[in-house]
């Protein structure tokens, strides 16, 4: 995240490009929504060693679906993401810019 932000600031100041700062913002919001501070071994990897704790992966699909339906810390961010993606797709459809976005990666 720090490297992304520093590189993003460089590109912004030197070339007035914001794409790397956008990636940095997306990364920090992803870390916040995933509550990465609760697992400092992962957040600050490799500061606390190179190994990761083993997780029980039995019935992981059922566990993910259960969390998605019952835990607000899971379904609220997912709903927010769905609203944002729906808005973005609607904007592209309304402006008829889907092919331009796919081809060039930006909304003109």
N, C-alpha and C. Protein backbone atom coordinates (compact mmCIF):
# COMPACT_ATOMS: atom_id res chain seq x y z
N UNK A 1 0.83 -1.20 0.00
CA UNK A 1 0.00 0.00 0.00
C UNK A 1 0.87 1.25 0.00
N UNK A 2 1.91 1.23 0.81
CA UNK A 2 2.80 2.41 0.87
C UNK A 2 3.48 2.62 -0.47
N UNK A 3 3.98 1.55 -1.08
CA UNK A 3 4.63 1.67 -2.39
C UNK A 3 3.65 2.15 -3.46
N UNK A 4 2.43 1.63 -3.43
CA UNK A 4 1.41 2.08 -4.38
C UNK A 4 1.13 3.57 -4.23
N UNK A 5 1.00 4.02 -2.99
CA UNK A 5 0.69 5.42 -2.73
C UNK A 5 1.84 6.33 -3.16
N UNK A 6 3.06 5.95 -2.81
CA UNK A 6 4.22 6.76 -3.20
C UNK A 6 4.35 6.82 -4.72
N UNK A 7 4.21 5.67 -5.38
CA UNK A 7 4.28 5.65 -6.84
C UNK A 7 3.11 6.45 -7.44
N UNK A 8 1.94 6.34 -6.85
CA UNK A 8 0.79 7.09 -7.32
C UNK A 8 1.00 8.59 -7.20
N UNK A 9 1.58 9.03 -6.09
CA UNK A 9 1.87 10.45 -5.93
C UNK A 9 2.90 10.92 -6.95
N UNK A 10 3.88 10.08 -7.23
CA UNK A 10 4.88 10.42 -8.23
C UNK A 10 4.23 10.62 -9.60
N UNK A 11 3.41 9.64 -10.03
CA UNK A 11 2.75 9.75 -11.33
C UNK A 11 1.79 10.94 -11.38
N UNK A 12 1.16 11.22 -10.25
CA UNK A 12 0.23 12.36 -10.23
C UNK A 12 0.99 13.68 -10.37
N UNK A 13 2.08 13.82 -9.64
CA UNK A 13 2.82 15.09 -9.67
C UNK A 13 3.59 15.28 -10.97
N UNK A 14 4.15 14.20 -11.51
CA UNK A 14 4.98 14.32 -12.71
C UNK A 14 4.18 14.29 -14.00
N UNK A 15 3.12 13.48 -14.02
CA UNK A 15 2.41 13.27 -15.28
C UNK A 15 0.91 13.55 -15.19
N UNK A 16 0.44 14.00 -14.05
CA UNK A 16 -0.99 14.28 -13.82
C UNK A 16 -1.86 13.05 -14.09
N UNK A 17 -1.33 11.86 -13.79
CA UNK A 17 -2.09 10.62 -13.95
C UNK A 17 -2.55 10.14 -12.58
N UNK A 18 -3.83 9.79 -12.49
CA UNK A 18 -4.40 9.41 -11.20
C UNK A 18 -4.70 7.93 -11.06
N UNK A 19 -4.41 7.13 -12.07
CA UNK A 19 -4.80 5.72 -12.05
C UNK A 19 -4.15 4.95 -10.91
N UNK A 20 -2.89 5.24 -10.59
CA UNK A 20 -2.23 4.51 -9.52
C UNK A 20 -2.71 4.97 -8.14
N UNK A 21 -3.07 6.23 -8.01
CA UNK A 21 -3.67 6.69 -6.76
C UNK A 21 -5.04 6.05 -6.57
N UNK A 22 -5.77 5.85 -7.64
CA UNK A 22 -7.06 5.16 -7.56
C UNK A 22 -6.87 3.72 -7.09
N UNK A 23 -5.85 3.07 -7.62
CA UNK A 23 -5.55 1.70 -7.18
C UNK A 23 -5.17 1.68 -5.71
N UNK A 24 -4.41 2.67 -5.27
CA UNK A 24 -4.03 2.77 -3.87
C UNK A 24 -5.26 2.97 -2.98
N UNK A 25 -6.17 3.83 -3.40
CA UNK A 25 -7.41 4.06 -2.64
C UNK A 25 -8.24 2.78 -2.57
N UNK A 26 -8.33 2.07 -3.69
CA UNK A 26 -9.05 0.80 -3.70
C UNK A 26 -8.42 -0.22 -2.77
N UNK A 27 -7.11 -0.24 -2.72
CA UNK A 27 -6.41 -1.17 -1.84
C UNK A 27 -6.67 -0.86 -0.38
N UNK A 28 -6.59 0.41 0.00
CA UNK A 28 -6.81 0.77 1.41
C UNK A 28 -8.25 0.51 1.82
N UNK A 29 -9.21 0.78 0.95
CA UNK A 29 -10.60 0.49 1.32
C UNK A 29 -10.83 -1.01 1.42
N UNK A 30 -10.17 -1.78 0.57
CA UNK A 30 -10.28 -3.24 0.66
C UNK A 30 -9.73 -3.74 1.99
N UNK A 31 -8.59 -3.21 2.41
CA UNK A 31 -8.01 -3.60 3.70
C UNK A 31 -8.93 -3.20 4.86
N UNK A 32 -9.55 -2.04 4.76
CA UNK A 32 -10.46 -1.60 5.82
C UNK A 32 -11.70 -2.48 5.87
N UNK A 33 -12.31 -2.75 4.71
CA UNK A 33 -13.51 -3.58 4.70
C UNK A 33 -13.23 -5.01 5.14
N UNK A 34 -12.02 -5.51 4.85
CA UNK A 34 -11.65 -6.85 5.28
C UNK A 34 -11.18 -6.89 6.74
N UNK A 35 -11.13 -5.72 7.37
CA UNK A 35 -10.69 -5.61 8.78
C UNK A 35 -9.35 -6.30 9.00
N UNK A 36 -8.40 -5.96 8.17
CA UNK A 36 -7.10 -6.63 8.20
C UNK A 36 -6.32 -6.36 9.48
N UNK A 37 -6.64 -5.32 10.23
CA UNK A 37 -5.95 -5.06 11.48
C UNK A 37 -6.20 -6.17 12.50
N UNK A 38 -7.22 -6.98 12.28
CA UNK A 38 -7.52 -8.08 13.19
C UNK A 38 -6.55 -9.25 13.02
N UNK A 39 -5.83 -9.27 11.90
CA UNK A 39 -4.86 -10.34 11.62
C UNK A 39 -3.53 -9.68 11.24
N UNK A 40 -2.80 -9.16 12.25
CA UNK A 40 -1.57 -8.43 11.93
C UNK A 40 -0.51 -9.30 11.25
N UNK A 41 -0.54 -10.62 11.46
CA UNK A 41 0.42 -11.49 10.79
C UNK A 41 0.25 -11.44 9.28
N UNK A 42 -0.97 -11.26 8.82
CA UNK A 42 -1.23 -11.15 7.39
C UNK A 42 -1.03 -9.72 6.92
N UNK A 43 -1.53 -8.76 7.67
CA UNK A 43 -1.43 -7.36 7.27
C UNK A 43 0.02 -6.91 7.13
N UNK A 44 0.86 -7.30 8.06
CA UNK A 44 2.25 -6.85 8.07
C UNK A 44 3.22 -7.93 7.58
N UNK A 45 2.72 -8.85 6.76
CA UNK A 45 3.57 -9.90 6.22
C UNK A 45 4.69 -9.27 5.42
N UNK A 46 5.90 -9.70 5.54
CA UNK A 46 6.47 -10.82 6.28
C UNK A 46 7.09 -10.42 7.62
N UNK A 47 6.68 -9.31 8.18
CA UNK A 47 7.24 -8.83 9.45
C UNK A 47 7.20 -9.89 10.55
N UNK A 48 6.13 -10.66 10.65
CA UNK A 48 5.97 -11.66 11.71
C UNK A 48 6.29 -13.07 11.23
N UNK A 49 7.00 -13.20 10.13
CA UNK A 49 7.36 -14.51 9.60
C UNK A 49 6.71 -14.74 8.25
N UNK A 50 7.21 -15.76 7.56
CA UNK A 50 6.75 -16.03 6.20
C UNK A 50 5.57 -16.98 6.14
N UNK A 51 5.32 -17.71 7.23
CA UNK A 51 4.23 -18.71 7.23
C UNK A 51 2.91 -18.06 7.60
N UNK A 52 1.84 -18.61 7.06
CA UNK A 52 0.49 -18.18 7.40
C UNK A 52 -0.17 -19.27 8.23
N UNK A 53 -1.09 -18.86 9.10
CA UNK A 53 -1.82 -19.83 9.91
C UNK A 53 -2.69 -20.70 8.99
N UNK A 54 -2.79 -21.95 9.33
CA UNK A 54 -3.62 -22.86 8.55
C UNK A 54 -5.08 -22.64 8.92
N UNK A 55 -5.92 -22.66 7.91
CA UNK A 55 -7.35 -22.48 8.12
C UNK A 55 -8.07 -23.77 7.79
N UNK A 56 -9.15 -24.00 8.49
CA UNK A 56 -9.99 -25.17 8.21
C UNK A 56 -10.83 -24.86 6.98
N UNK A 57 -10.63 -25.62 5.92
CA UNK A 57 -11.33 -25.34 4.67
C UNK A 57 -12.46 -26.34 4.41
N UNK A 58 -12.80 -27.14 5.41
CA UNK A 58 -13.94 -28.04 5.26
C UNK A 58 -15.22 -27.21 5.19
N UNK A 59 -16.06 -27.50 4.23
CA UNK A 59 -17.33 -26.79 4.04
C UNK A 59 -17.15 -25.28 3.89
N UNK A 60 -16.11 -24.86 3.21
CA UNK A 60 -15.84 -23.43 3.12
C UNK A 60 -16.91 -22.70 2.31
N UNK A 61 -17.48 -23.35 1.33
CA UNK A 61 -18.53 -22.69 0.54
C UNK A 61 -19.76 -22.44 1.42
N UNK A 62 -20.15 -23.43 2.20
CA UNK A 62 -21.29 -23.25 3.10
C UNK A 62 -21.00 -22.18 4.14
N UNK A 63 -19.77 -22.16 4.66
CA UNK A 63 -19.40 -21.14 5.65
C UNK A 63 -19.44 -19.74 5.04
N UNK A 64 -18.99 -19.60 3.79
CA UNK A 64 -19.03 -18.30 3.13
C UNK A 64 -20.47 -17.85 2.88
N UNK A 65 -21.30 -18.76 2.43
CA UNK A 65 -22.71 -18.41 2.20
C UNK A 65 -23.41 -18.06 3.50
N UNK A 66 -23.12 -18.81 4.56
CA UNK A 66 -23.70 -18.50 5.86
C UNK A 66 -23.29 -17.11 6.32
N UNK A 67 -22.00 -16.78 6.18
CA UNK A 67 -21.52 -15.46 6.58
C UNK A 67 -22.17 -14.37 5.73
N UNK A 68 -22.33 -14.63 4.44
CA UNK A 68 -22.94 -13.65 3.55
C UNK A 68 -24.39 -13.36 3.91
N UNK A 69 -25.08 -14.35 4.44
CA UNK A 69 -26.49 -14.18 4.77
C UNK A 69 -26.75 -13.75 6.21
N UNK A 70 -25.78 -13.94 7.10
CA UNK A 70 -26.05 -13.71 8.52
C UNK A 70 -25.17 -12.66 9.19
N UNK A 71 -24.04 -12.31 8.61
CA UNK A 71 -23.11 -11.39 9.28
C UNK A 71 -23.10 -10.03 8.58
N UNK A 72 -23.52 -8.99 9.30
CA UNK A 72 -23.52 -7.66 8.68
C UNK A 72 -22.13 -7.20 8.23
N UNK A 73 -21.08 -7.66 8.91
CA UNK A 73 -19.73 -7.26 8.49
C UNK A 73 -19.36 -7.86 7.15
N UNK A 74 -20.12 -8.84 6.70
CA UNK A 74 -19.89 -9.44 5.38
C UNK A 74 -20.88 -8.90 4.37
N UNK A 75 -22.19 -8.94 4.69
CA UNK A 75 -23.16 -8.59 3.66
C UNK A 75 -23.29 -7.09 3.41
N UNK A 76 -23.00 -6.25 4.38
CA UNK A 76 -23.11 -4.80 4.14
C UNK A 76 -22.07 -4.34 3.11
N UNK A 77 -20.77 -4.67 3.27
CA UNK A 77 -19.82 -4.27 2.23
C UNK A 77 -20.12 -4.90 0.86
N UNK A 78 -20.61 -6.13 0.86
CA UNK A 78 -20.96 -6.77 -0.41
C UNK A 78 -22.12 -6.05 -1.08
N UNK A 79 -23.11 -5.63 -0.30
CA UNK A 79 -24.22 -4.86 -0.86
C UNK A 79 -23.75 -3.50 -1.38
N UNK A 80 -22.85 -2.87 -0.64
CA UNK A 80 -22.31 -1.60 -1.09
C UNK A 80 -21.58 -1.77 -2.43
N UNK A 81 -20.80 -2.82 -2.53
CA UNK A 81 -20.10 -3.10 -3.78
C UNK A 81 -21.06 -3.36 -4.92
N UNK A 82 -22.13 -4.10 -4.64
CA UNK A 82 -23.14 -4.39 -5.67
C UNK A 82 -23.83 -3.11 -6.14
N UNK A 83 -24.11 -2.20 -5.21
CA UNK A 83 -24.74 -0.92 -5.58
C UNK A 83 -23.79 -0.11 -6.46
N UNK A 84 -22.52 -0.05 -6.09
CA UNK A 84 -21.54 0.71 -6.86
C UNK A 84 -21.38 0.12 -8.26
N UNK A 85 -21.27 -1.20 -8.35
CA UNK A 85 -21.14 -1.84 -9.67
C UNK A 85 -22.38 -1.65 -10.52
N UNK A 86 -23.55 -1.70 -9.89
CA UNK A 86 -24.79 -1.48 -10.63
C UNK A 86 -24.86 -0.05 -11.15
N UNK A 87 -24.50 0.90 -10.32
CA UNK A 87 -24.47 2.30 -10.75
C UNK A 87 -23.50 2.50 -11.91
N UNK A 88 -22.31 1.90 -11.78
CA UNK A 88 -21.29 2.04 -12.83
C UNK A 88 -21.77 1.42 -14.13
N UNK A 89 -22.34 0.21 -14.06
CA UNK A 89 -22.85 -0.44 -15.27
C UNK A 89 -23.99 0.37 -15.88
N UNK A 90 -24.87 0.93 -15.04
CA UNK A 90 -25.96 1.76 -15.54
C UNK A 90 -25.44 3.01 -16.23
N UNK A 91 -24.41 3.61 -15.68
CA UNK A 91 -23.80 4.78 -16.31
C UNK A 91 -23.22 4.43 -17.68
N UNK A 92 -22.52 3.31 -17.75
CA UNK A 92 -21.97 2.88 -19.04
C UNK A 92 -23.07 2.60 -20.05
N UNK A 93 -24.13 1.93 -19.61
CA UNK A 93 -25.25 1.64 -20.51
C UNK A 93 -25.93 2.92 -20.99
N UNK A 94 -26.18 3.83 -20.05
CA UNK A 94 -26.86 5.08 -20.38
C UNK A 94 -26.04 5.91 -21.38
N UNK A 95 -24.73 5.95 -21.20
CA UNK A 95 -23.86 6.72 -22.10
C UNK A 95 -23.47 5.94 -23.36
N UNK A 96 -23.85 4.68 -23.40
CA UNK A 96 -23.49 3.80 -24.53
C UNK A 96 -21.97 3.76 -24.72
N UNK A 97 -21.28 3.55 -23.62
CA UNK A 97 -19.82 3.55 -23.63
C UNK A 97 -19.22 2.22 -23.19
N UNK A 98 -19.98 1.15 -23.26
CA UNK A 98 -19.49 -0.14 -22.79
C UNK A 98 -18.29 -0.59 -23.62
N UNK A 99 -18.41 -0.55 -24.94
CA UNK A 99 -17.31 -1.02 -25.78
C UNK A 99 -16.07 -0.14 -25.61
N UNK A 100 -16.26 1.18 -25.47
CA UNK A 100 -15.12 2.07 -25.25
C UNK A 100 -14.46 1.77 -23.92
N UNK A 101 -15.26 1.48 -22.90
CA UNK A 101 -14.68 1.16 -21.60
C UNK A 101 -13.90 -0.15 -21.67
N UNK A 102 -14.44 -1.14 -22.34
CA UNK A 102 -13.76 -2.44 -22.46
C UNK A 102 -12.47 -2.26 -23.27
N UNK A 103 -12.54 -1.47 -24.34
CA UNK A 103 -11.39 -1.30 -25.21
C UNK A 103 -10.30 -0.43 -24.57
N UNK A 104 -10.67 0.68 -23.93
CA UNK A 104 -9.68 1.64 -23.44
C UNK A 104 -9.57 1.73 -21.93
N UNK A 105 -10.52 1.13 -21.22
CA UNK A 105 -10.44 1.13 -19.77
C UNK A 105 -10.80 2.44 -19.10
N UNK A 106 -11.52 3.30 -19.79
CA UNK A 106 -11.91 4.58 -19.18
C UNK A 106 -13.24 5.05 -19.75
N UNK A 107 -13.88 5.92 -18.99
CA UNK A 107 -15.12 6.54 -19.44
C UNK A 107 -14.75 7.89 -20.01
N UNK A 108 -15.12 8.14 -21.23
CA UNK A 108 -14.74 9.40 -21.86
C UNK A 108 -15.85 10.41 -21.75
